[in-house]
């Protein structure tokens, strides 16, 4: 029969391994999302208010880059789901404080993954069709507009994921108070940007509010990941 001390040791070791895995996932998620956005900036991606002729020219000239970026999306979507699921498991194993917030992060993260899939599928469609078009068609322009709208709606969903994860991690003692504050501020910026989703899809500079929130999300992921790996 296993002694209580051995059982406690086994549980502690299991939590340690799980914590390190969740932390490593957070770091990998932040890195892959940062690389993807850096690649977008490096290829001179068009803003949503750009003339449709320039959008067509961009996708026709950057098909290979779009393929690599799409591959990164296929990488970080599973990482996102593993992270929010693993975080929920850690919260429950630490007594359940913050479990409601981790459930919110889990639900929002799953929704965010679905929206990212839509954004990426539409982008692949733009890249595939651009090479065979001499000039933009109404269908091409419609796909571009739907792509912009889906991206704009991804911002508040990411903000909800961010706030839920930050509050859950702090309530269960996984992160310090400053990371909770970072989550509240960054998530609120993303939610605020989401209110103006129509303006963002039309090319408004309001998107930079969301990008500040996104930068806070990457910083929080890195800080949380390092803390879990070292804990």
Protein backbone atom coordinates (compact mmCIF):
# COMPACT_ATOMS: atom_id res chain seq x y z
CA UNK A 1 0.00 0.00 0.00
CA UNK A 2 1.38 3.41 -0.96
CA UNK A 3 2.13 5.70 1.96
CA UNK A 4 0.67 9.22 2.15
CA UNK A 5 4.18 10.63 1.86
CA UNK A 6 4.87 8.72 -1.37
CA UNK A 7 1.51 9.79 -2.75
CA UNK A 8 2.25 13.44 -1.98
CA UNK A 9 5.68 13.13 -3.59
CA UNK A 10 4.18 11.60 -6.72
CA UNK A 11 1.55 14.33 -6.96
CA UNK A 12 4.17 17.04 -6.48
CA UNK A 13 6.35 15.52 -9.19
CA UNK A 14 3.35 15.25 -11.53
CA UNK A 15 2.45 18.90 -10.95
CA UNK A 16 6.06 19.92 -11.54
CA UNK A 17 6.18 18.11 -14.88
CA UNK A 18 2.81 19.50 -15.95
CA UNK A 19 3.83 23.00 -14.94
CA UNK A 20 7.02 22.84 -16.97
CA UNK A 21 5.14 21.51 -20.00
CA UNK A 22 2.55 24.30 -19.81
CA UNK A 23 5.35 26.84 -19.36
CA UNK A 24 7.27 25.53 -22.37
CA UNK A 25 4.07 25.64 -24.41
CA UNK A 26 3.51 29.28 -23.43
CA UNK A 27 7.03 30.22 -24.52
CA UNK A 28 6.69 28.35 -27.82
CA UNK A 29 3.30 29.99 -28.45
CA UNK A 30 4.68 33.48 -27.83
CA UNK A 31 7.70 32.81 -30.06
CA UNK A 32 5.65 31.44 -32.97
CA UNK A 33 3.15 34.31 -32.85
CA UNK A 34 5.95 36.88 -32.67
CA UNK A 35 7.78 35.30 -35.64
CA UNK A 36 4.60 35.24 -37.70
CA UNK A 37 3.90 38.92 -37.10
CA UNK A 38 7.53 39.84 -37.77
CA UNK A 39 7.31 38.03 -41.10
CA UNK A 40 4.14 39.94 -41.97
CA UNK A 41 5.88 43.22 -41.24
CA UNK A 42 8.94 42.14 -43.21
CA UNK A 43 6.96 41.33 -46.35
CA UNK A 44 5.26 44.72 -46.35
CA UNK A 45 1.76 43.38 -45.68
CA UNK A 46 -0.99 45.70 -46.82
CA UNK A 47 -3.19 47.57 -44.37
CA UNK A 48 -6.93 47.08 -44.62
CA UNK A 49 -7.44 50.50 -46.19
CA UNK A 50 -4.99 49.79 -49.03
CA UNK A 51 -6.34 49.89 -52.61
CA UNK A 52 -7.47 46.44 -53.70
CA UNK A 53 -5.01 46.58 -56.62
CA UNK A 54 -2.11 46.79 -54.15
CA UNK A 55 -3.57 43.91 -52.13
CA UNK A 56 -3.66 41.77 -55.27
CA UNK A 57 -0.08 42.69 -56.14
CA UNK A 58 1.07 41.85 -52.60
CA UNK A 59 -0.43 38.36 -52.58
CA UNK A 60 0.77 37.65 -56.11
CA UNK A 61 4.35 38.59 -55.14
CA UNK A 62 4.43 36.96 -51.69
CA UNK A 63 2.86 33.55 -52.17
CA UNK A 64 5.84 31.70 -50.67
CA UNK A 65 5.92 34.00 -47.64
CA UNK A 66 2.19 33.51 -47.10
CA UNK A 67 2.75 29.73 -47.23
CA UNK A 68 5.35 29.97 -44.44
CA UNK A 69 3.15 32.26 -42.38
CA UNK A 70 0.23 29.85 -42.79
CA UNK A 71 2.46 27.05 -41.55
CA UNK A 72 3.23 29.05 -38.42
CA UNK A 73 -0.49 29.52 -37.81
CA UNK A 74 -0.95 25.76 -38.09
CA UNK A 75 1.77 25.45 -35.42
CA UNK A 76 0.54 27.96 -32.87
CA UNK A 77 -3.15 27.03 -32.94
CA UNK A 78 -2.48 23.65 -31.27
CA UNK A 79 -0.06 25.39 -28.90
CA UNK A 80 -2.80 27.85 -27.93
CA UNK A 81 -5.26 25.06 -27.19
CA UNK A 82 -2.67 23.04 -25.26
CA UNK A 83 -1.77 26.11 -23.21
CA UNK A 84 -5.30 27.11 -22.15
CA UNK A 85 -6.20 23.46 -21.45
CA UNK A 86 -3.00 22.89 -19.47
CA UNK A 87 -3.47 26.11 -17.51
CA UNK A 88 -6.98 25.04 -16.55
CA UNK A 89 -5.60 21.71 -15.35
CA UNK A 90 -2.93 23.42 -13.23
CA UNK A 91 -5.50 25.76 -11.69
CA UNK A 92 -7.76 22.85 -10.71
CA UNK A 93 -4.86 20.90 -9.22
CA UNK A 94 -3.95 23.88 -7.04
CA UNK A 95 -7.29 23.88 -5.29
CA UNK A 96 -9.54 25.36 -7.97
CA UNK A 97 -9.09 29.04 -7.10
CA UNK A 98 -9.60 30.89 -10.36
CA UNK A 99 -11.16 27.86 -12.08
CA UNK A 100 -14.05 29.92 -13.44
CA UNK A 101 -11.58 32.31 -15.05
CA UNK A 102 -9.60 29.42 -16.54
CA UNK A 103 -12.82 27.98 -17.98
CA UNK A 104 -13.48 31.36 -19.57
CA UNK A 105 -9.96 31.38 -21.05
CA UNK A 106 -10.47 27.82 -22.33
CA UNK A 107 -13.77 28.66 -24.05
CA UNK A 108 -12.44 31.94 -25.47
CA UNK A 109 -9.25 30.23 -26.63
CA UNK A 110 -11.24 27.60 -28.53
CA UNK A 111 -13.33 30.33 -30.16
CA UNK A 112 -10.18 32.29 -30.99
CA UNK A 113 -8.69 29.24 -32.68
CA UNK A 114 -11.77 28.92 -34.89
CA UNK A 115 -11.54 32.60 -35.89
CA UNK A 116 -7.82 32.29 -36.63
CA UNK A 117 -8.60 29.30 -38.86
CA UNK A 118 -11.07 31.46 -40.80
CA UNK A 119 -8.56 34.32 -41.11
CA UNK A 120 -5.87 31.95 -42.34
CA UNK A 121 -8.12 30.05 -44.76
CA UNK A 122 -9.20 33.31 -46.37
CA UNK A 123 -5.58 34.44 -46.61
CA UNK A 124 -4.60 31.19 -48.32
CA UNK A 125 -7.47 31.73 -50.74
CA UNK A 126 -6.22 35.23 -51.52
CA UNK A 127 -2.71 33.94 -52.22
CA UNK A 128 -3.94 31.09 -54.42
CA UNK A 129 -6.24 33.26 -56.51
CA UNK A 130 -3.93 36.28 -56.84
CA UNK A 131 -1.52 34.54 -59.19
CA UNK A 132 -4.20 33.90 -61.78
CA UNK A 133 -5.76 37.36 -61.80
CA UNK A 134 -4.71 40.24 -64.00
CA UNK A 135 -6.91 42.63 -62.01
CA UNK A 136 -9.03 42.40 -58.85
CA UNK A 137 -12.45 40.81 -59.16
CA UNK A 138 -15.49 41.46 -56.93
CA UNK A 139 -15.01 37.99 -55.44
CA UNK A 140 -11.37 38.72 -54.57
CA UNK A 141 -12.35 42.00 -52.92
CA UNK A 142 -15.12 40.27 -50.93
CA UNK A 143 -12.70 37.65 -49.60
CA UNK A 144 -10.31 40.43 -48.56
CA UNK A 145 -13.10 42.24 -46.72
CA UNK A 146 -14.24 39.10 -44.90
CA UNK A 147 -10.61 38.40 -43.98
CA UNK A 148 -10.35 41.90 -42.49
CA UNK A 149 -13.62 41.50 -40.58
CA UNK A 150 -12.56 38.13 -39.13
CA UNK A 151 -9.24 39.57 -37.99
CA UNK A 152 -11.01 42.51 -36.32
CA UNK A 153 -13.28 40.13 -34.39
CA UNK A 154 -10.29 38.04 -33.31
CA UNK A 155 -9.06 40.96 -31.19
CA UNK A 156 -11.82 40.96 -28.51
CA UNK A 157 -11.73 37.15 -28.43
CA UNK A 158 -8.00 37.26 -27.73
CA UNK A 159 -8.67 39.91 -25.08
CA UNK A 160 -11.16 37.62 -23.33
CA UNK A 161 -8.67 34.74 -23.45
CA UNK A 162 -5.96 37.01 -22.07
CA UNK A 163 -8.01 38.35 -19.16
CA UNK A 164 -9.33 34.92 -18.21
CA UNK A 165 -5.89 33.32 -18.28
CA UNK A 166 -4.21 36.15 -16.36
CA UNK A 167 -6.85 36.21 -13.60
CA UNK A 168 -6.89 32.41 -13.31
CA UNK A 169 -3.10 32.16 -13.10
CA UNK A 170 -2.88 34.83 -10.41
CA UNK A 171 -5.81 33.51 -8.35
CA UNK A 172 -4.17 30.10 -8.17
CA UNK A 173 -0.80 31.56 -7.15
CA UNK A 174 0.99 30.80 -10.41
CA UNK A 175 1.83 34.43 -11.25
CA UNK A 176 2.49 37.65 -9.28
CA UNK A 177 0.19 40.66 -9.11
CA UNK A 178 1.96 42.62 -11.85
CA UNK A 179 1.14 39.92 -14.38
CA UNK A 180 -2.53 40.10 -13.42
CA UNK A 181 -2.37 43.87 -14.02
CA UNK A 182 -0.66 43.30 -17.37
CA UNK A 183 -3.45 40.90 -18.33
CA UNK A 184 -6.19 43.30 -17.32
CA UNK A 185 -4.64 46.25 -19.17
CA UNK A 186 -3.63 44.30 -22.28
CA UNK A 187 -6.90 42.41 -22.45
CA UNK A 188 -8.88 45.62 -22.02
CA UNK A 189 -6.98 47.19 -24.94
CA UNK A 190 -7.92 44.25 -27.13
CA UNK A 191 -11.55 44.45 -26.04
CA UNK A 192 -11.59 48.19 -26.70
CA UNK A 193 -10.21 47.63 -30.19
CA UNK A 194 -12.86 44.99 -30.76
CA UNK A 195 -15.62 47.52 -30.13
CA UNK A 196 -14.43 49.32 -33.25
CA UNK A 197 -14.16 46.15 -35.34
CA UNK A 198 -15.94 47.69 -38.34
CA UNK A 199 -13.54 50.65 -38.34
CA UNK A 200 -10.54 48.31 -38.02
CA UNK A 201 -11.77 46.18 -40.92
CA UNK A 202 -12.03 49.40 -42.92
CA UNK A 203 -8.40 50.33 -42.17
CA UNK A 204 -8.73 52.53 -39.06
CA UNK A 205 -5.64 53.36 -36.98
CA UNK A 206 -7.62 51.93 -34.03
CA UNK A 207 -5.90 48.67 -34.89
CA UNK A 208 -2.79 49.96 -33.09
CA UNK A 209 -4.73 49.86 -29.81
CA UNK A 210 -5.24 46.16 -30.41
CA UNK A 211 -1.58 45.70 -31.35
CA UNK A 212 -0.53 47.17 -27.98
CA UNK A 213 -2.77 44.63 -26.29
CA UNK A 214 -1.28 41.89 -28.45
CA UNK A 215 2.25 42.92 -27.42
CA UNK A 216 1.15 42.70 -23.78
CA UNK A 217 -0.20 39.20 -24.46
CA UNK A 218 3.17 38.07 -25.83
CA UNK A 219 4.99 39.58 -22.84
CA UNK A 220 2.59 37.86 -20.43
CA UNK A 221 3.02 34.51 -22.18
CA UNK A 222 6.80 34.74 -21.97
CA UNK A 223 6.81 35.81 -18.33
CA UNK A 224 4.31 33.11 -17.36
CA UNK A 225 6.13 30.45 -19.35
CA UNK A 226 9.50 31.24 -17.78
CA UNK A 227 7.96 31.29 -14.30
CA UNK A 228 6.30 27.90 -14.78
CA UNK A 229 9.41 26.31 -16.26
CA UNK A 230 11.54 27.54 -13.37
CA UNK A 231 9.01 26.91 -10.59
